[in-house]
PDB file of N, CA and C in Angstrom:
ATOM      1  N   UNK A   1     -57.495  59.226  91.686  1.00  0.00           N
ATOM      2  CA  UNK A   1     -56.196  59.470  92.284  1.00  0.00           C
ATOM      3  C   UNK A   1     -55.606  58.186  92.868  1.00  0.00           C
ATOM      4  N   UNK A   2     -56.425  57.363  93.501  1.00  0.00           N
ATOM      5  CA  UNK A   2     -55.901  56.148  94.117  1.00  0.00           C
ATOM      6  C   UNK A   2     -55.416  55.155  93.069  1.00  0.00           C
ATOM      7  N   UNK A   3     -56.051  55.110  91.884  1.00  0.00           N
ATOM      8  CA  UNK A   3     -55.572  54.233  90.817  1.00  0.00           C
ATOM      9  C   UNK A   3     -54.188  54.670  90.354  1.00  0.00           C
ATOM     10  N   UNK A   4     -54.016  55.975  90.223  1.00  0.00           N
ATOM     11  CA  UNK A   4     -52.713  56.497  89.811  1.00  0.00           C
ATOM     12  C   UNK A   4     -51.651  56.133  90.834  1.00  0.00           C
ATOM     13  N   UNK A   5     -51.951  56.325  92.101  1.00  0.00           N
ATOM     14  CA  UNK A   5     -50.998  56.017  93.164  1.00  0.00           C
ATOM     15  C   UNK A   5     -50.688  54.526  93.206  1.00  0.00           C
ATOM     16  N   UNK A   6     -51.704  53.694  93.065  1.00  0.00           N
ATOM     17  CA  UNK A   6     -51.497  52.243  93.056  1.00  0.00           C
ATOM     18  C   UNK A   6     -50.627  51.830  91.872  1.00  0.00           C
ATOM     19  N   UNK A   7     -50.897  52.414  90.722  1.00  0.00           N
ATOM     20  CA  UNK A   7     -50.102  52.109  89.536  1.00  0.00           C
ATOM     21  C   UNK A   7     -48.654  52.534  89.712  1.00  0.00           C
ATOM     22  N   UNK A   8     -48.446  53.689  90.309  1.00  0.00           N
ATOM     23  CA  UNK A   8     -47.083  54.186  90.523  1.00  0.00           C
ATOM     24  C   UNK A   8     -46.328  53.290  91.497  1.00  0.00           C
ATOM     25  N   UNK A   9     -46.984  52.867  92.551  1.00  0.00           N
ATOM     26  CA  UNK A   9     -46.350  51.981  93.531  1.00  0.00           C
ATOM     27  C   UNK A   9     -46.005  50.644  92.888  1.00  0.00           C
ATOM     28  N   UNK A  10     -46.902  50.098  92.095  1.00  0.00           N
ATOM     29  CA  UNK A  10     -46.621  48.831  91.399  1.00  0.00           C
ATOM     30  C   UNK A  10     -45.437  48.981  90.447  1.00  0.00           C
ATOM     31  N   UNK A  11     -45.385  50.082  89.713  1.00  0.00           N
ATOM     32  CA  UNK A  11     -44.283  50.312  88.777  1.00  0.00           C
ATOM     33  C   UNK A  11     -42.955  50.400  89.525  1.00  0.00           C
ATOM     34  N   UNK A  12     -42.940  51.100  90.653  1.00  0.00           N
ATOM     35  CA  UNK A  12     -41.715  51.202  91.444  1.00  0.00           C
ATOM     36  C   UNK A  12     -41.282  49.841  91.968  1.00  0.00           C
ATOM     37  N   UNK A  13     -42.244  49.042  92.399  1.00  0.00           N
ATOM     38  CA  UNK A  13     -41.938  47.712  92.907  1.00  0.00           C
ATOM     39  C   UNK A  13     -41.330  46.839  91.809  1.00  0.00           C
ATOM     40  N   UNK A  14     -41.937  46.854  90.636  1.00  0.00           N
ATOM     41  CA  UNK A  14     -41.439  46.051  89.521  1.00  0.00           C
ATOM     42  C   UNK A  14     -40.034  46.496  89.131  1.00  0.00           C
ATOM     43  N   UNK A  15     -39.808  47.800  89.103  1.00  0.00           N
ATOM     44  CA  UNK A  15     -38.472  48.310  88.768  1.00  0.00           C
ATOM     45  C   UNK A  15     -37.444  47.885  89.804  1.00  0.00           C
ATOM     46  N   UNK A  16     -37.829  47.878  91.067  1.00  0.00           N
ATOM     47  CA  UNK A  16     -36.870  47.493  92.104  1.00  0.00           C
ATOM     48  C   UNK A  16     -36.531  46.015  92.006  1.00  0.00           C
ATOM     49  N   UNK A  17     -37.495  45.182  91.661  1.00  0.00           N
ATOM     50  CA  UNK A  17     -37.231  43.750  91.500  1.00  0.00           C
ATOM     51  C   UNK A  17     -36.309  43.524  90.313  1.00  0.00           C
ATOM     52  N   UNK A  18     -36.619  44.131  89.183  1.00  0.00           N
ATOM     53  CA  UNK A  18     -35.793  43.896  88.005  1.00  0.00           C
ATOM     54  C   UNK A  18     -34.397  44.458  88.203  1.00  0.00           C
ATOM     55  N   UNK A  19     -34.242  45.511  88.951  1.00  0.00           N
ATOM     56  CA  UNK A  19     -32.920  46.065  89.225  1.00  0.00           C
ATOM     57  C   UNK A  19     -32.079  45.112  90.048  1.00  0.00           C
ATOM     58  N   UNK A  20     -32.666  44.470  91.040  1.00  0.00           N
ATOM     59  CA  UNK A  20     -31.934  43.517  91.864  1.00  0.00           C
ATOM     60  C   UNK A  20     -31.607  42.252  91.093  1.00  0.00           C
ATOM     61  N   UNK A  21     -32.523  41.841  90.218  1.00  0.00           N
ATOM     62  CA  UNK A  21     -32.298  40.622  89.458  1.00  0.00           C
ATOM     63  C   UNK A  21     -31.193  40.797  88.421  1.00  0.00           C
ATOM     64  N   UNK A  22     -30.901  42.029  88.056  1.00  0.00           N
ATOM     65  CA  UNK A  22     -29.905  42.293  87.033  1.00  0.00           C
ATOM     66  C   UNK A  22     -28.610  42.814  87.655  1.00  0.00           C
ATOM     67  N   UNK A  23     -28.269  42.311  88.825  1.00  0.00           N
ATOM     68  CA  UNK A  23     -27.056  42.774  89.502  1.00  0.00           C
ATOM     69  C   UNK A  23     -25.854  42.589  88.580  1.00  0.00           C
ATOM     70  N   UNK A  24     -25.030  43.596  88.534  1.00  0.00           N
ATOM     71  CA  UNK A  24     -23.842  43.541  87.686  1.00  0.00           C
ATOM     72  C   UNK A  24     -22.694  42.914  88.470  1.00  0.00           C
ATOM     73  N   UNK A  25     -21.995  42.018  87.820  1.00  0.00           N
ATOM     74  CA  UNK A  25     -20.849  41.373  88.444  1.00  0.00           C
ATOM     75  C   UNK A  25     -19.581  41.828  87.738  1.00  0.00           C
ATOM     76  N   UNK A  26     -18.478  41.742  88.433  1.00  0.00           N
ATOM     77  CA  UNK A  26     -17.194  42.219  87.941  1.00  0.00           C
ATOM     78  C   UNK A  26     -16.334  41.024  87.524  1.00  0.00           C
ATOM     79  N   UNK A  27     -16.294  40.775  86.223  1.00  0.00           N
ATOM     80  CA  UNK A  27     -15.522  39.645  85.714  1.00  0.00           C
ATOM     81  C   UNK A  27     -14.037  39.767  86.000  1.00  0.00           C
ATOM     82  N   UNK A  28     -13.507  40.994  85.979  1.00  0.00           N
ATOM     83  CA  UNK A  28     -12.076  41.187  86.266  1.00  0.00           C
ATOM     84  C   UNK A  28     -11.758  40.762  87.695  1.00  0.00           C
ATOM     85  N   UNK A  29     -12.623  41.128  88.642  1.00  0.00           N
ATOM     86  CA  UNK A  29     -12.433  40.722  90.036  1.00  0.00           C
ATOM     87  C   UNK A  29     -12.643  39.216  90.185  1.00  0.00           C
ATOM     88  N   UNK A  30     -13.471  38.646  89.332  1.00  0.00           N
ATOM     89  CA  UNK A  30     -13.763  37.220  89.396  1.00  0.00           C
ATOM     90  C   UNK A  30     -12.599  36.327  89.021  1.00  0.00           C
ATOM     91  N   UNK A  31     -11.626  36.860  88.288  1.00  0.00           N
ATOM     92  CA  UNK A  31     -10.467  36.050  87.900  1.00  0.00           C
ATOM     93  C   UNK A  31      -9.732  35.511  89.117  1.00  0.00           C
ATOM     94  N   UNK A  32      -9.576  36.340  90.129  1.00  0.00           N
ATOM     95  CA  UNK A  32      -8.885  35.901  91.349  1.00  0.00           C
ATOM     96  C   UNK A  32      -9.654  34.773  92.027  1.00  0.00           C
ATOM     97  N   UNK A  33     -10.974  34.920  92.110  1.00  0.00           N
ATOM     98  CA  UNK A  33     -11.815  33.885  92.710  1.00  0.00           C
ATOM     99  C   UNK A  33     -11.741  32.613  91.865  1.00  0.00           C
ATOM    100  N   UNK A  34     -11.816  32.787  90.549  1.00  0.00           N
ATOM    101  CA  UNK A  34     -11.738  31.638  89.640  1.00  0.00           C
ATOM    102  C   UNK A  34     -10.424  30.882  89.839  1.00  0.00           C
ATOM    103  N   UNK A  35      -9.319  31.614  89.812  1.00  0.00           N
ATOM    104  CA  UNK A  35      -8.001  30.978  89.935  1.00  0.00           C
ATOM    105  C   UNK A  35      -7.858  30.205  91.244  1.00  0.00           C
ATOM    106  N   UNK A  36      -8.417  30.742  92.317  1.00  0.00           N
ATOM    107  CA  UNK A  36      -8.266  30.111  93.632  1.00  0.00           C
ATOM    108  C   UNK A  36      -9.290  29.010  93.911  1.00  0.00           C
ATOM    109  N   UNK A  37     -10.440  29.056  93.234  1.00  0.00           N
ATOM    110  CA  UNK A  37     -11.517  28.139  93.614  1.00  0.00           C
ATOM    111  C   UNK A  37     -12.149  27.340  92.478  1.00  0.00           C
ATOM    112  N   UNK A  38     -12.249  27.905  91.310  1.00  0.00           N
ATOM    113  CA  UNK A  38     -13.063  27.311  90.254  1.00  0.00           C
ATOM    114  C   UNK A  38     -12.255  26.544  89.208  1.00  0.00           C
ATOM    115  N   UNK A  39     -11.005  26.949  89.037  1.00  0.00           N
ATOM    116  CA  UNK A  39     -10.176  26.389  87.980  1.00  0.00           C
ATOM    117  C   UNK A  39      -9.960  24.892  88.068  1.00  0.00           C
ATOM    118  N   UNK A  40      -9.955  24.354  89.262  1.00  0.00           N
ATOM    119  CA  UNK A  40      -9.727  22.917  89.422  1.00  0.00           C
ATOM    120  C   UNK A  40     -10.700  22.118  88.559  1.00  0.00           C
ATOM    121  N   UNK A  41     -11.954  22.491  88.578  1.00  0.00           N
ATOM    122  CA  UNK A  41     -12.959  21.767  87.786  1.00  0.00           C
ATOM    123  C   UNK A  41     -13.131  22.363  86.386  1.00  0.00           C
ATOM    124  N   UNK A  42     -13.148  23.693  86.292  1.00  0.00           N
ATOM    125  CA  UNK A  42     -13.451  24.328  85.007  1.00  0.00           C
ATOM    126  C   UNK A  42     -12.269  24.374  84.048  1.00  0.00           C
ATOM    127  N   UNK A  43     -11.074  24.048  84.492  1.00  0.00           N
ATOM    128  CA  UNK A  43      -9.938  23.908  83.576  1.00  0.00           C
ATOM    129  C   UNK A  43      -9.872  22.504  82.985  1.00  0.00           C
ATOM    130  N   UNK A  44     -10.407  21.524  83.715  1.00  0.00           N
ATOM    131  CA  UNK A  44     -10.283  20.120  83.307  1.00  0.00           C
ATOM    132  C   UNK A  44     -11.596  19.477  82.871  1.00  0.00           C
ATOM    133  N   UNK A  45     -12.725  20.076  83.250  1.00  0.00           N
ATOM    134  CA  UNK A  45     -14.023  19.472  82.956  1.00  0.00           C
ATOM    135  C   UNK A  45     -14.458  18.463  84.001  1.00  0.00           C
ATOM    136  N   UNK A  46     -13.803  18.498  85.165  1.00  0.00           N
ATOM    137  CA  UNK A  46     -14.136  17.575  86.249  1.00  0.00           C
ATOM    138  C   UNK A  46     -15.610  17.701  86.633  1.00  0.00           C
ATOM    139  N   UNK A  47     -16.244  16.586  86.921  1.00  0.00           N
ATOM    140  CA  UNK A  47     -17.656  16.502  87.331  1.00  0.00           C
ATOM    141  C   UNK A  47     -18.596  17.124  86.301  1.00  0.00           C
ATOM    142  N   UNK A  48     -18.169  17.147  85.035  1.00  0.00           N
ATOM    143  CA  UNK A  48     -19.014  17.682  83.968  1.00  0.00           C
ATOM    144  C   UNK A  48     -18.996  19.196  83.856  1.00  0.00           C
ATOM    145  N   UNK A  49     -18.063  19.858  84.540  1.00  0.00           N
ATOM    146  CA  UNK A  49     -17.976  21.319  84.490  1.00  0.00           C
ATOM    147  C   UNK A  49     -17.599  21.764  83.081  1.00  0.00           C
ATOM    148  N   UNK A  50     -18.275  22.770  82.551  1.00  0.00           N
ATOM    149  CA  UNK A  50     -17.865  23.278  81.234  1.00  0.00           C
ATOM    150  C   UNK A  50     -16.498  23.954  81.354  1.00  0.00           C
ATOM    151  N   UNK A  51     -15.606  23.633  80.433  1.00  0.00           N
ATOM    152  CA  UNK A  51     -14.255  24.187  80.483  1.00  0.00           C
ATOM    153  C   UNK A  51     -14.270  25.674  80.125  1.00  0.00           C
ATOM    154  N   UNK A  52     -13.434  26.417  80.805  1.00  0.00           N
ATOM    155  CA  UNK A  52     -13.288  27.837  80.522  1.00  0.00           C
ATOM    156  C   UNK A  52     -12.902  28.017  79.056  1.00  0.00           C
ATOM    157  N   UNK A  53     -13.638  28.859  78.351  1.00  0.00           N
ATOM    158  CA  UNK A  53     -13.354  29.138  76.949  1.00  0.00           C
ATOM    159  C   UNK A  53     -14.043  28.220  75.959  1.00  0.00           C
ATOM    160  N   UNK A  54     -14.717  27.170  76.435  1.00  0.00           N
ATOM    161  CA  UNK A  54     -15.420  26.234  75.557  1.00  0.00           C
ATOM    162  C   UNK A  54     -16.771  26.837  75.154  1.00  0.00           C
ATOM    163  N   UNK A  55     -16.789  27.499  74.012  1.00  0.00           N
ATOM    164  CA  UNK A  55     -17.989  28.216  73.574  1.00  0.00           C
ATOM    165  C   UNK A  55     -19.179  27.286  73.399  1.00  0.00           C
ATOM    166  N   UNK A  56     -18.949  26.104  72.875  1.00  0.00           N
ATOM    167  CA  UNK A  56     -20.039  25.150  72.669  1.00  0.00           C
ATOM    168  C   UNK A  56     -20.612  24.681  74.002  1.00  0.00           C
ATOM    169  N   UNK A  57     -19.755  24.381  74.947  1.00  0.00           N
ATOM    170  CA  UNK A  57     -20.211  23.922  76.255  1.00  0.00           C
ATOM    171  C   UNK A  57     -20.908  25.004  77.060  1.00  0.00           C
ATOM    172  N   UNK A  58     -20.468  26.238  76.894  1.00  0.00           N
ATOM    173  CA  UNK A  58     -21.039  27.344  77.658  1.00  0.00           C
ATOM    174  C   UNK A  58     -22.289  27.954  77.020  1.00  0.00           C
ATOM    175  N   UNK A  59     -22.442  27.866  75.707  1.00  0.00           N
ATOM    176  CA  UNK A  59     -23.540  28.556  75.015  1.00  0.00           C
ATOM    177  C   UNK A  59     -24.927  28.299  75.616  1.00  0.00           C
ATOM    178  N   UNK A  60     -25.320  27.039  75.841  1.00  0.00           N
ATOM    179  CA  UNK A  60     -26.654  26.842  76.413  1.00  0.00           C
ATOM    180  C   UNK A  60     -26.768  27.352  77.843  1.00  0.00           C
ATOM    181  N   UNK A  61     -25.679  27.335  78.556  1.00  0.00           N
ATOM    182  CA  UNK A  61     -25.694  27.846  79.931  1.00  0.00           C
ATOM    183  C   UNK A  61     -25.801  29.373  79.928  1.00  0.00           C
ATOM    184  N   UNK A  62     -25.019  30.014  79.071  1.00  0.00           N
ATOM    185  CA  UNK A  62     -25.071  31.478  78.967  1.00  0.00           C
ATOM    186  C   UNK A  62     -26.459  31.927  78.546  1.00  0.00           C
ATOM    187  N   UNK A  63     -27.116  31.135  77.698  1.00  0.00           N
ATOM    188  CA  UNK A  63     -28.464  31.479  77.235  1.00  0.00           C
ATOM    189  C   UNK A  63     -29.475  31.552  78.379  1.00  0.00           C
ATOM    190  N   UNK A  64     -29.212  30.848  79.484  1.00  0.00           N
ATOM    191  CA  UNK A  64     -30.133  30.904  80.626  1.00  0.00           C
ATOM    192  C   UNK A  64     -30.001  32.213  81.391  1.00  0.00           C
ATOM    193  N   UNK A  65     -28.889  32.914  81.182  1.00  0.00           N
ATOM    194  CA  UNK A  65     -28.676  34.195  81.845  1.00  0.00           C
ATOM    195  C   UNK A  65     -27.740  34.086  83.037  1.00  0.00           C
ATOM    196  N   UNK A  66     -27.002  35.160  83.266  1.00  0.00           N
ATOM    197  CA  UNK A  66     -26.050  35.189  84.378  1.00  0.00           C
ATOM    198  C   UNK A  66     -26.745  34.995  85.725  1.00  0.00           C
ATOM    199  N   UNK A  67     -27.916  35.619  85.979  1.00  0.00           N
ATOM    200  CA  UNK A  67     -28.562  35.395  87.283  1.00  0.00           C
ATOM    201  C   UNK A  67     -28.843  33.916  87.567  1.00  0.00           C
ATOM    202  N   UNK A  68     -29.264  33.168  86.562  1.00  0.00           N
ATOM    203  CA  UNK A  68     -29.528  31.736  86.766  1.00  0.00           C
ATOM    204  C   UNK A  68     -28.223  30.980  87.020  1.00  0.00           C
ATOM    205  N   UNK A  69     -27.164  31.332  86.290  1.00  0.00           N
ATOM    206  CA  UNK A  69     -25.872  30.684  86.503  1.00  0.00           C
ATOM    207  C   UNK A  69     -25.338  30.970  87.899  1.00  0.00           C
ATOM    208  N   UNK A  70     -25.497  32.199  88.339  1.00  0.00           N
ATOM    209  CA  UNK A  70     -25.039  32.557  89.686  1.00  0.00           C
ATOM    210  C   UNK A  70     -25.845  31.790  90.734  1.00  0.00           C
ATOM    211  N   UNK A  71     -27.157  31.719  90.558  1.00  0.00           N
ATOM    212  CA  UNK A  71     -27.992  30.988  91.514  1.00  0.00           C
ATOM    213  C   UNK A  71     -27.566  29.521  91.602  1.00  0.00           C
ATOM    214  N   UNK A  72     -27.299  28.887  90.452  1.00  0.00           N
ATOM    215  CA  UNK A  72     -26.847  27.493  90.459  1.00  0.00           C
ATOM    216  C   UNK A  72     -25.492  27.366  91.139  1.00  0.00           C
ATOM    217  N   UNK A  73     -24.634  28.353  90.927  1.00  0.00           N
ATOM    218  CA  UNK A  73     -23.293  28.297  91.504  1.00  0.00           C
ATOM    219  C   UNK A  73     -23.305  28.544  93.005  1.00  0.00           C
ATOM    220  N   UNK A  74     -24.176  29.423  93.459  1.00  0.00           N
ATOM    221  CA  UNK A  74     -24.268  29.725  94.890  1.00  0.00           C
ATOM    222  C   UNK A  74     -24.950  28.578  95.637  1.00  0.00           C
ATOM    223  N   UNK A  75     -26.035  28.065  95.078  1.00  0.00           N
ATOM    224  CA  UNK A  75     -26.860  27.073  95.774  1.00  0.00           C
ATOM    225  C   UNK A  75     -26.496  25.627  95.458  1.00  0.00           C
ATOM    226  N   UNK A  76     -25.739  25.414  94.390  1.00  0.00           N
ATOM    227  CA  UNK A  76     -25.449  24.059  93.936  1.00  0.00           C
ATOM    228  C   UNK A  76     -26.469  23.640  92.901  1.00  0.00           C
ATOM    229  N   UNK A  77     -26.070  22.705  92.053  1.00  0.00           N
ATOM    230  CA  UNK A  77     -26.937  22.307  90.949  1.00  0.00           C
ATOM    231  C   UNK A  77     -26.512  20.941  90.440  1.00  0.00           C
ATOM    232  N   UNK A  78     -27.486  20.108  90.131  1.00  0.00           N
ATOM    233  CA  UNK A  78     -27.218  18.836  89.478  1.00  0.00           C
ATOM    234  C   UNK A  78     -27.992  18.823  88.174  1.00  0.00           C
ATOM    235  N   UNK A  79     -27.285  18.651  87.074  1.00  0.00           N
ATOM    236  CA  UNK A  79     -27.909  18.654  85.752  1.00  0.00           C
ATOM    237  C   UNK A  79     -27.675  17.343  85.030  1.00  0.00           C
ATOM    238  N   UNK A  80     -28.006  17.321  83.749  1.00  0.00           N
ATOM    239  CA  UNK A  80     -27.858  16.108  82.936  1.00  0.00           C
ATOM    240  C   UNK A  80     -26.394  15.738  82.708  1.00  0.00           C
ATOM    241  N   UNK A  81     -25.523  16.761  82.668  1.00  0.00           N
ATOM    242  CA  UNK A  81     -24.119  16.510  82.319  1.00  0.00           C
ATOM    243  C   UNK A  81     -23.165  16.545  83.505  1.00  0.00           C
ATOM    244  N   UNK A  82     -23.664  16.818  84.683  1.00  0.00           N
ATOM    245  CA  UNK A  82     -22.777  16.867  85.837  1.00  0.00           C
ATOM    246  C   UNK A  82     -23.393  17.627  86.989  1.00  0.00           C
ATOM    247  N   UNK A  83     -22.534  18.049  87.917  1.00  0.00           N
ATOM    248  CA  UNK A  83     -23.052  18.767  89.083  1.00  0.00           C
ATOM    249  C   UNK A  83     -22.107  19.882  89.482  1.00  0.00           C
ATOM    250  N   UNK A  84     -22.679  20.860  90.163  1.00  0.00           N
ATOM    251  CA  UNK A  84     -21.938  22.016  90.664  1.00  0.00           C
ATOM    252  C   UNK A  84     -22.188  22.084  92.155  1.00  0.00           C
ATOM    253  N   UNK A  85     -21.156  21.882  92.984  1.00  0.00           N
ATOM    254  CA  UNK A  85     -21.380  22.009  94.428  1.00  0.00           C
ATOM    255  C   UNK A  85     -21.627  23.474  94.789  1.00  0.00           C
ATOM    256  N   UNK A  86     -22.403  23.708  95.818  1.00  0.00           N
ATOM    257  CA  UNK A  86     -22.681  25.078  96.273  1.00  0.00           C
ATOM    258  C   UNK A  86     -21.375  25.819  96.506  1.00  0.00           C
ATOM    259  N   UNK A  87     -21.278  26.997  95.928  1.00  0.00           N
ATOM    260  CA  UNK A  87     -20.092  27.863  96.043  1.00  0.00           C
ATOM    261  C   UNK A  87     -18.810  27.119  95.674  1.00  0.00           C
ATOM    262  N   UNK A  88     -18.932  26.177  94.755  1.00  0.00           N
ATOM    263  CA  UNK A  88     -17.763  25.431  94.308  1.00  0.00           C
ATOM    264  C   UNK A  88     -17.111  24.636  95.418  1.00  0.00           C
ATOM    265  N   UNK A  89     -17.858  24.395  96.482  1.00  0.00           N
ATOM    266  CA  UNK A  89     -17.320  23.651  97.617  1.00  0.00           C
ATOM    267  C   UNK A  89     -16.619  24.528  98.644  1.00  0.00           C
ATOM    268  N   UNK A  90     -16.646  25.842  98.445  1.00  0.00           N
ATOM    269  CA  UNK A  90     -16.009  26.762  99.398  1.00  0.00           C
ATOM    270  C   UNK A  90     -17.075  27.634 100.056  1.00  0.00           C
ATOM    271  N   UNK A  91     -17.586  27.226 101.214  1.00  0.00           N
ATOM    272  CA  UNK A  91     -18.671  27.973 101.854  1.00  0.00           C
ATOM    273  C   UNK A  91     -18.270  29.381 102.307  1.00  0.00           C
ATOM    274  N   UNK A  92     -16.980  29.687 102.315  1.00  0.00           N
ATOM    275  CA  UNK A  92     -16.538  31.023 102.735  1.00  0.00           C
ATOM    276  C   UNK A  92     -16.740  32.078 101.653  1.00  0.00           C
ATOM    277  N   UNK A  93     -16.982  31.662 100.420  1.00  0.00           N
ATOM    278  CA  UNK A  93     -17.198  32.627  99.342  1.00  0.00           C
ATOM    279  C   UNK A  93     -18.541  33.325  99.519  1.00  0.00           C
ATOM    280  N   UNK A  94     -18.578  34.607  99.203  1.00  0.00           N
ATOM    281  CA  UNK A  94     -19.844  35.350  99.220  1.00  0.00           C
ATOM    282  C   UNK A  94     -20.545  35.158  97.885  1.00  0.00           C
ATOM    283  N   UNK A  95     -21.824  35.480  97.857  1.00  0.00           N
ATOM    284  CA  UNK A  95     -22.582  35.399  96.605  1.00  0.00           C
ATOM    285  C   UNK A  95     -21.990  36.348  95.564  1.00  0.00           C
ATOM    286  N   UNK A  96     -21.499  37.494  95.979  1.00  0.00           N
ATOM    287  CA  UNK A  96     -20.889  38.440  95.042  1.00  0.00           C
ATOM    288  C   UNK A  96     -19.602  37.871  94.466  1.00  0.00           C
ATOM    289  N   UNK A  97     -18.788  37.247  95.279  1.00  0.00           N
ATOM    290  CA  UNK A  97     -17.552  36.635  94.779  1.00  0.00           C
ATOM    291  C   UNK A  97     -17.871  35.536  93.761  1.00  0.00           C
ATOM    292  N   UNK A  98     -18.865  34.729  94.067  1.00  0.00           N
ATOM    293  CA  UNK A  98     -19.270  33.676  93.139  1.00  0.00           C
ATOM    294  C   UNK A  98     -19.787  34.306  91.845  1.00  0.00           C
ATOM    295  N   UNK A  99     -20.607  35.347  91.974  1.00  0.00           N
ATOM    296  CA  UNK A  99     -21.125  36.035  90.786  1.00  0.00           C
ATOM    297  C   UNK A  99     -20.010  36.620  89.941  1.00  0.00           C
ATOM    298  N   UNK A 100     -19.006  37.197  90.577  1.00  0.00           N
ATOM    299  CA  UNK A 100     -17.861  37.744  89.845  1.00  0.00           C
ATOM    300  C   UNK A 100     -17.134  36.634  89.086  1.00  0.00           C
ATOM    301  N   UNK A 101     -16.945  35.478  89.724  1.00  0.00           N
ATOM    302  CA  UNK A 101     -16.273  34.352  89.068  1.00  0.00           C
ATOM    303  C   UNK A 101     -17.104  33.837  87.894  1.00  0.00           C
ATOM    304  N   UNK A 102     -18.415  33.758  88.070  1.00  0.00           N
ATOM    305  CA  UNK A 102     -19.296  33.330  86.978  1.00  0.00           C
ATOM    306  C   UNK A 102     -19.181  34.312  85.818  1.00  0.00           C
ATOM    307  N   UNK A 103     -19.199  35.600  86.115  1.00  0.00           N
ATOM    308  CA  UNK A 103     -19.086  36.609  85.067  1.00  0.00           C
ATOM    309  C   UNK A 103     -17.753  36.478  84.329  1.00  0.00           C
ATOM    310  N   UNK A 104     -16.677  36.194  85.060  1.00  0.00           N
ATOM    311  CA  UNK A 104     -15.368  35.971  84.440  1.00  0.00           C
ATOM    312  C   UNK A 104     -15.438  34.793  83.458  1.00  0.00           C
ATOM    313  N   UNK A 105     -16.043  33.689  83.890  1.00  0.00           N
ATOM    314  CA  UNK A 105     -16.136  32.521  83.023  1.00  0.00           C
ATOM    315  C   UNK A 105     -17.002  32.791  81.802  1.00  0.00           C
ATOM    316  N   UNK A 106     -18.106  33.486  82.002  1.00  0.00           N
ATOM    317  CA  UNK A 106     -18.986  33.829  80.878  1.00  0.00           C
ATOM    318  C   UNK A 106     -18.233  34.716  79.883  1.00  0.00           C
ATOM    319  N   UNK A 107     -17.542  35.737  80.399  1.00  0.00           N
ATOM    320  CA  UNK A 107     -16.787  36.646  79.529  1.00  0.00           C
ATOM    321  C   UNK A 107     -15.742  35.902  78.695  1.00  0.00           C
ATOM    322  N   UNK A 108     -15.088  34.914  79.294  1.00  0.00           N
ATOM    323  CA  UNK A 108     -14.039  34.158  78.612  1.00  0.00           C
ATOM    324  C   UNK A 108     -14.586  33.052  77.704  1.00  0.00           C
ATOM    325  N   UNK A 109     -15.894  32.809  77.776  1.00  0.00           N
ATOM    326  CA  UNK A 109     -16.456  31.667  77.061  1.00  0.00           C
ATOM    327  C   UNK A 109     -17.505  32.053  76.022  1.00  0.00           C
ATOM    328  N   UNK A 110     -17.614  33.318  75.714  1.00  0.00           N
ATOM    329  CA  UNK A 110     -18.581  33.765  74.683  1.00  0.00           C
ATOM    330  C   UNK A 110     -17.996  33.591  73.305  1.00  0.00           C
TER     331      UNK A 110
END
């Protein structure tokens, strides 16, 4: 009985982790955040930012997954081709707002 209970608890734990890691973001809501905060760099390619709609530039980034892109966008990231300041340089943005903006860019760049 204890093995069954332990297995059930482990399964629930794993499901809860994967559920949180796969948070859904709202690309439609992200357009407003993008227009106000992200477009300055992602419309022009400033600081190595992949341009919105550039399928070639976005493909390797999209392949890493939205959760990784959101983490880089929230926390900041320096890569081979440029850098991303934390929250695009706007500390007032929430992680959800940043995730929504990332989802908007991914949707427009597939």
